[in-house]
């Protein structure tokens, strides 16, 4: 059996994704997120942390044209998952937060709607 809850609102979801280089992983994450979210009220905050590859910064530069709901912010300091996400939260406008790693590839359709249904569903 599977319970499906109806959404009772339309909250904005802010996905926070720390990232350091590995743009192939990040691209897979972002493209799968956009293709399979099943819910349109979201923003994605990519939190840059100490990348060194020039290709990474060129990729970041092109992101807003490819994915208008994505913004990149720069965290300076040693990697600490909690600190990086707390920094990224300062830029988030959403009522709901989703913490993701940059190497996640989403495989299920409507994943964001499904997740959201547990926190806002009836």
N, C-alpha and C. Protein backbone atom coordinates (compact mmCIF):
# COMPACT_ATOMS: atom_id res chain seq x y z
N UNK A 1 0.84 -1.18 0.00
CA UNK A 1 0.00 0.00 0.00
C UNK A 1 0.88 1.23 0.00
N UNK A 2 0.33 2.29 -0.57
CA UNK A 2 1.06 3.55 -0.61
C UNK A 2 0.08 4.68 -0.31
N UNK A 3 0.41 5.46 0.69
CA UNK A 3 -0.42 6.61 1.05
C UNK A 3 0.07 7.81 0.26
N UNK A 4 -0.85 8.51 -0.39
CA UNK A 4 -0.52 9.74 -1.11
C UNK A 4 -1.28 10.88 -0.46
N UNK A 5 -0.55 11.83 0.11
CA UNK A 5 -1.15 12.98 0.76
C UNK A 5 -1.30 14.12 -0.24
N UNK A 6 -2.41 14.84 -0.13
CA UNK A 6 -2.60 16.03 -0.96
C UNK A 6 -1.86 17.19 -0.33
N UNK A 7 -1.27 18.03 -1.16
CA UNK A 7 -0.62 19.23 -0.64
C UNK A 7 -1.69 20.21 -0.21
N UNK A 8 -1.49 20.82 0.96
CA UNK A 8 -2.46 21.79 1.45
C UNK A 8 -2.01 23.22 1.21
N UNK A 9 -0.86 23.40 0.65
CA UNK A 9 -0.35 24.74 0.35
C UNK A 9 0.62 24.67 -0.82
N UNK A 10 1.25 25.79 -1.10
CA UNK A 10 2.22 25.88 -2.19
C UNK A 10 3.50 26.55 -1.68
N UNK A 11 4.14 25.99 -0.65
CA UNK A 11 5.33 26.64 -0.11
C UNK A 11 6.50 26.59 -1.09
N UNK A 12 7.34 27.60 -1.00
CA UNK A 12 8.58 27.60 -1.76
C UNK A 12 9.57 26.68 -1.06
N UNK A 13 10.22 25.81 -1.82
CA UNK A 13 11.22 24.90 -1.28
C UNK A 13 12.60 25.40 -1.71
N UNK A 14 13.49 25.54 -0.75
CA UNK A 14 14.87 25.93 -1.04
C UNK A 14 15.76 24.71 -0.88
N UNK A 15 16.36 24.28 -1.99
CA UNK A 15 17.31 23.16 -1.96
C UNK A 15 18.72 23.75 -1.81
N UNK A 16 19.44 23.30 -0.80
CA UNK A 16 20.80 23.75 -0.54
C UNK A 16 21.76 22.65 -0.95
N UNK A 17 22.72 22.99 -1.83
CA UNK A 17 23.64 21.98 -2.35
C UNK A 17 25.08 22.50 -2.22
N UNK A 18 25.83 22.03 -1.21
CA UNK A 18 27.26 22.39 -1.14
C UNK A 18 28.00 21.76 -2.32
N UNK A 19 29.00 22.48 -2.83
CA UNK A 19 29.71 21.96 -3.99
C UNK A 19 31.16 22.44 -4.01
N UNK A 20 32.04 21.52 -4.38
CA UNK A 20 33.45 21.83 -4.59
C UNK A 20 33.89 21.05 -5.83
N UNK A 21 34.17 21.78 -6.91
CA UNK A 21 34.56 21.16 -8.17
C UNK A 21 33.53 20.08 -8.54
N UNK A 22 33.92 19.00 -9.16
CA UNK A 22 33.02 17.89 -9.55
C UNK A 22 31.77 18.39 -10.28
N UNK A 23 31.96 19.20 -11.32
CA UNK A 23 30.81 19.78 -12.02
C UNK A 23 29.98 18.73 -12.76
N UNK A 24 30.58 17.60 -13.13
CA UNK A 24 29.79 16.54 -13.76
C UNK A 24 28.73 16.01 -12.79
N UNK A 25 29.14 15.82 -11.53
CA UNK A 25 28.18 15.37 -10.51
C UNK A 25 27.10 16.42 -10.29
N UNK A 26 27.51 17.68 -10.16
CA UNK A 26 26.55 18.75 -9.92
C UNK A 26 25.57 18.88 -11.08
N UNK A 27 26.05 18.78 -12.30
CA UNK A 27 25.16 18.87 -13.46
C UNK A 27 24.13 17.73 -13.45
N UNK A 28 24.58 16.54 -13.12
CA UNK A 28 23.66 15.40 -13.04
C UNK A 28 22.59 15.66 -11.97
N UNK A 29 23.01 16.20 -10.85
CA UNK A 29 22.09 16.53 -9.76
C UNK A 29 21.07 17.58 -10.21
N UNK A 30 21.56 18.67 -10.78
CA UNK A 30 20.67 19.75 -11.18
C UNK A 30 19.72 19.35 -12.31
N UNK A 31 20.22 18.64 -13.29
CA UNK A 31 19.35 18.25 -14.41
C UNK A 31 18.29 17.25 -13.95
N UNK A 32 18.66 16.32 -13.10
CA UNK A 32 17.66 15.36 -12.61
C UNK A 32 16.65 16.05 -11.69
N UNK A 33 17.10 17.01 -10.91
CA UNK A 33 16.19 17.76 -10.04
C UNK A 33 15.14 18.47 -10.90
N UNK A 34 15.58 19.19 -11.91
CA UNK A 34 14.65 19.93 -12.76
C UNK A 34 13.71 19.00 -13.54
N UNK A 35 14.21 17.87 -13.95
CA UNK A 35 13.40 16.94 -14.74
C UNK A 35 12.39 16.16 -13.91
N UNK A 36 12.70 15.92 -12.65
CA UNK A 36 11.88 14.99 -11.88
C UNK A 36 11.22 15.57 -10.64
N UNK A 37 11.35 16.87 -10.39
CA UNK A 37 10.81 17.45 -9.16
C UNK A 37 9.31 17.23 -9.03
N UNK A 38 8.55 17.45 -10.10
CA UNK A 38 7.11 17.29 -10.02
C UNK A 38 6.44 18.40 -9.23
N UNK A 39 7.17 19.48 -8.98
CA UNK A 39 6.68 20.62 -8.20
C UNK A 39 7.51 21.81 -8.63
N UNK A 40 6.86 22.91 -8.99
CA UNK A 40 7.57 24.03 -9.60
C UNK A 40 8.02 25.13 -8.65
N UNK A 41 7.53 25.15 -7.44
CA UNK A 41 7.88 26.24 -6.52
C UNK A 41 9.13 25.87 -5.73
N UNK A 42 10.27 26.00 -6.40
CA UNK A 42 11.54 25.71 -5.73
C UNK A 42 12.61 26.67 -6.21
N UNK A 43 13.64 26.77 -5.40
CA UNK A 43 14.87 27.46 -5.76
C UNK A 43 16.01 26.57 -5.33
N UNK A 44 17.15 26.71 -5.98
CA UNK A 44 18.32 25.92 -5.62
C UNK A 44 19.46 26.87 -5.32
N UNK A 45 20.07 26.69 -4.16
CA UNK A 45 21.23 27.47 -3.75
C UNK A 45 22.43 26.53 -3.79
N UNK A 46 23.33 26.74 -4.75
CA UNK A 46 24.58 25.99 -4.80
C UNK A 46 25.58 26.76 -3.95
N UNK A 47 26.15 26.10 -2.96
CA UNK A 47 27.06 26.75 -2.03
C UNK A 47 28.48 26.34 -2.38
N UNK A 48 29.16 27.21 -3.07
CA UNK A 48 30.54 26.99 -3.51
C UNK A 48 31.46 27.00 -2.29
N UNK A 49 32.32 25.96 -2.20
CA UNK A 49 33.23 25.86 -1.07
C UNK A 49 34.61 25.40 -1.52
N UNK A 50 35.49 26.36 -1.78
CA UNK A 50 36.91 26.10 -2.02
C UNK A 50 37.24 25.36 -3.31
N UNK A 51 36.47 25.56 -4.36
CA UNK A 51 36.82 24.95 -5.65
C UNK A 51 38.12 25.56 -6.16
N UNK A 52 38.84 24.75 -6.95
CA UNK A 52 40.11 25.22 -7.51
C UNK A 52 40.16 25.11 -9.03
N UNK A 53 39.28 24.32 -9.62
CA UNK A 53 39.28 24.09 -11.06
C UNK A 53 38.61 25.26 -11.78
N UNK A 54 39.32 25.92 -12.72
CA UNK A 54 38.72 27.05 -13.46
C UNK A 54 37.44 26.66 -14.21
N UNK A 55 37.32 25.41 -14.63
CA UNK A 55 36.11 24.96 -15.31
C UNK A 55 34.89 25.04 -14.40
N UNK A 56 35.11 24.86 -13.11
CA UNK A 56 34.01 24.96 -12.15
C UNK A 56 33.42 26.35 -12.17
N UNK A 57 34.27 27.38 -12.17
CA UNK A 57 33.79 28.75 -12.14
C UNK A 57 33.13 29.15 -13.46
N UNK A 58 33.61 28.61 -14.57
CA UNK A 58 32.95 28.83 -15.86
C UNK A 58 31.56 28.19 -15.86
N UNK A 59 31.46 27.01 -15.27
CA UNK A 59 30.17 26.32 -15.15
C UNK A 59 29.21 27.15 -14.31
N UNK A 60 29.68 27.64 -13.17
CA UNK A 60 28.85 28.48 -12.30
C UNK A 60 28.35 29.72 -13.05
N UNK A 61 29.20 30.31 -13.85
CA UNK A 61 28.86 31.51 -14.60
C UNK A 61 27.69 31.25 -15.55
N UNK A 62 27.65 30.07 -16.14
CA UNK A 62 26.61 29.73 -17.10
C UNK A 62 25.32 29.22 -16.45
N UNK A 63 25.36 28.86 -15.19
CA UNK A 63 24.19 28.25 -14.54
C UNK A 63 22.91 29.08 -14.62
N UNK A 64 22.93 30.37 -14.32
CA UNK A 64 21.66 31.12 -14.34
C UNK A 64 20.97 31.13 -15.70
N UNK A 65 21.71 31.03 -16.77
CA UNK A 65 21.09 30.97 -18.10
C UNK A 65 20.44 29.61 -18.34
N UNK A 66 21.05 28.58 -17.83
CA UNK A 66 20.53 27.21 -18.05
C UNK A 66 19.45 26.85 -17.05
N UNK A 67 19.63 27.28 -15.82
CA UNK A 67 18.70 26.97 -14.73
C UNK A 67 18.37 28.27 -13.98
N UNK A 68 17.34 28.98 -14.40
CA UNK A 68 17.03 30.28 -13.79
C UNK A 68 16.74 30.24 -12.29
N UNK A 69 16.34 29.09 -11.77
CA UNK A 69 16.02 29.00 -10.34
C UNK A 69 17.24 28.66 -9.48
N UNK A 70 18.43 28.68 -10.08
CA UNK A 70 19.65 28.32 -9.36
C UNK A 70 20.49 29.59 -9.14
N UNK A 71 20.98 29.73 -7.93
CA UNK A 71 21.96 30.77 -7.65
C UNK A 71 23.16 30.14 -6.96
N UNK A 72 24.32 30.72 -7.17
CA UNK A 72 25.55 30.23 -6.56
C UNK A 72 26.01 31.27 -5.55
N UNK A 73 26.30 30.82 -4.34
CA UNK A 73 26.86 31.68 -3.31
C UNK A 73 28.19 31.09 -2.88
N UNK A 74 29.07 31.93 -2.37
CA UNK A 74 30.42 31.46 -2.05
C UNK A 74 30.65 31.46 -0.55
N UNK A 75 30.90 30.26 -0.03
CA UNK A 75 31.26 30.09 1.39
C UNK A 75 32.78 30.02 1.47
N UNK A 76 33.35 30.82 2.34
CA UNK A 76 34.79 30.80 2.51
C UNK A 76 35.12 30.23 3.88
N UNK A 77 35.98 29.26 3.89
CA UNK A 77 36.37 28.60 5.13
C UNK A 77 36.49 27.12 4.90
N UNK A 78 37.02 26.42 5.89
CA UNK A 78 37.17 24.97 5.74
C UNK A 78 35.80 24.29 5.64
N UNK A 79 35.78 23.13 4.98
CA UNK A 79 34.50 22.43 4.80
C UNK A 79 33.97 21.93 6.13
N UNK A 80 32.76 22.29 6.40
CA UNK A 80 31.99 21.79 7.54
C UNK A 80 30.55 21.78 7.04
N UNK A 81 29.99 20.60 6.87
CA UNK A 81 28.68 20.47 6.24
C UNK A 81 27.63 21.36 6.90
N UNK A 82 27.60 21.38 8.21
CA UNK A 82 26.61 22.20 8.92
C UNK A 82 26.85 23.67 8.68
N UNK A 83 28.09 24.11 8.80
CA UNK A 83 28.40 25.54 8.61
C UNK A 83 28.10 25.98 7.18
N UNK A 84 28.43 25.15 6.20
CA UNK A 84 28.18 25.48 4.81
C UNK A 84 26.67 25.63 4.57
N UNK A 85 25.88 24.69 5.06
CA UNK A 85 24.43 24.77 4.87
C UNK A 85 23.81 25.93 5.64
N UNK A 86 24.29 26.19 6.84
CA UNK A 86 23.78 27.34 7.59
C UNK A 86 24.08 28.64 6.86
N UNK A 87 25.24 28.73 6.24
CA UNK A 87 25.57 29.90 5.42
C UNK A 87 24.60 30.01 4.24
N UNK A 88 24.40 28.91 3.52
CA UNK A 88 23.51 28.90 2.37
C UNK A 88 22.08 29.27 2.73
N UNK A 89 21.66 28.91 3.93
CA UNK A 89 20.30 29.20 4.40
C UNK A 89 20.04 30.71 4.42
N UNK A 90 21.07 31.50 4.64
CA UNK A 90 20.91 32.96 4.69
C UNK A 90 20.39 33.52 3.36
N UNK A 91 20.62 32.80 2.27
CA UNK A 91 20.22 33.24 0.94
C UNK A 91 18.89 32.62 0.49
N UNK A 92 18.42 31.66 1.23
CA UNK A 92 17.20 30.93 0.86
C UNK A 92 15.95 31.72 1.22
N UNK A 93 14.98 31.71 0.32
CA UNK A 93 13.71 32.39 0.54
C UNK A 93 12.60 31.41 0.94
N UNK A 94 12.86 30.11 0.83
CA UNK A 94 11.82 29.11 1.01
C UNK A 94 11.35 28.90 2.43
N UNK A 95 10.14 28.39 2.52
CA UNK A 95 9.55 27.99 3.80
C UNK A 95 10.01 26.59 4.19
N UNK A 96 10.42 25.82 3.22
CA UNK A 96 10.91 24.46 3.43
C UNK A 96 12.33 24.38 2.92
N UNK A 97 13.19 23.64 3.64
CA UNK A 97 14.57 23.44 3.22
C UNK A 97 14.79 21.98 2.84
N UNK A 98 15.58 21.78 1.80
CA UNK A 98 15.99 20.45 1.37
C UNK A 98 17.50 20.46 1.24
N UNK A 99 18.18 19.64 2.02
CA UNK A 99 19.64 19.57 1.98
C UNK A 99 20.04 18.40 1.08
N UNK A 100 20.86 18.69 0.07
CA UNK A 100 21.30 17.66 -0.87
C UNK A 100 22.81 17.70 -1.03
N UNK A 101 23.40 16.56 -1.32
CA UNK A 101 24.79 16.52 -1.75
C UNK A 101 24.83 16.77 -3.25
N UNK A 102 25.96 17.25 -3.75
CA UNK A 102 26.07 17.55 -5.18
C UNK A 102 26.20 16.30 -6.04
N UNK A 103 26.40 15.14 -5.44
CA UNK A 103 26.54 13.91 -6.22
C UNK A 103 25.26 13.06 -6.23
N UNK A 104 24.14 13.67 -5.89
CA UNK A 104 22.86 12.96 -5.88
C UNK A 104 22.24 13.04 -7.27
N UNK A 105 21.81 11.91 -7.79
CA UNK A 105 21.02 11.90 -9.02
C UNK A 105 19.64 11.38 -8.67
N UNK A 106 18.64 12.19 -8.94
CA UNK A 106 17.27 11.84 -8.57
C UNK A 106 16.68 10.95 -9.65
N UNK A 107 16.10 9.85 -9.24
CA UNK A 107 15.60 8.87 -10.20
C UNK A 107 14.09 8.75 -10.23
N UNK A 108 13.42 9.22 -9.20
CA UNK A 108 11.96 9.06 -9.13
C UNK A 108 11.25 10.33 -9.57
N UNK A 109 10.24 10.17 -10.41
CA UNK A 109 9.42 11.31 -10.81
C UNK A 109 8.64 11.83 -9.60
N UNK A 110 8.38 13.12 -9.62
CA UNK A 110 7.57 13.78 -8.58
C UNK A 110 8.18 13.69 -7.18
N UNK A 111 9.50 13.55 -7.10
CA UNK A 111 10.14 13.35 -5.81
C UNK A 111 9.90 14.53 -4.87
N UNK A 112 9.97 15.75 -5.37
CA UNK A 112 9.82 16.91 -4.49
C UNK A 112 8.38 17.04 -4.00
N UNK A 113 7.45 16.80 -4.87
CA UNK A 113 6.04 16.82 -4.47
C UNK A 113 5.79 15.75 -3.41
N UNK A 114 6.36 14.59 -3.60
CA UNK A 114 6.19 13.50 -2.64
C UNK A 114 6.79 13.86 -1.28
N UNK A 115 8.00 14.38 -1.28
CA UNK A 115 8.63 14.79 -0.01
C UNK A 115 7.80 15.87 0.68
N UNK A 116 7.39 16.83 -0.09
CA UNK A 116 6.64 17.96 0.45
C UNK A 116 5.30 17.52 1.03
N UNK A 117 4.72 16.50 0.46
CA UNK A 117 3.40 16.04 0.94
C UNK A 117 3.46 15.56 2.38
N UNK A 118 4.62 15.11 2.85
CA UNK A 118 4.73 14.65 4.23
C UNK A 118 4.81 15.80 5.22
N UNK A 119 5.28 16.96 4.78
CA UNK A 119 5.36 18.09 5.70
C UNK A 119 4.21 19.07 5.56
N UNK A 120 3.47 19.04 4.45
CA UNK A 120 2.37 19.96 4.27
C UNK A 120 1.06 19.24 3.91
N UNK A 121 1.11 17.94 3.76
CA UNK A 121 -0.05 17.20 3.30
C UNK A 121 -1.13 17.04 4.34
N UNK A 122 -2.30 16.67 3.87
CA UNK A 122 -3.42 16.43 4.76
C UNK A 122 -3.86 14.98 4.66
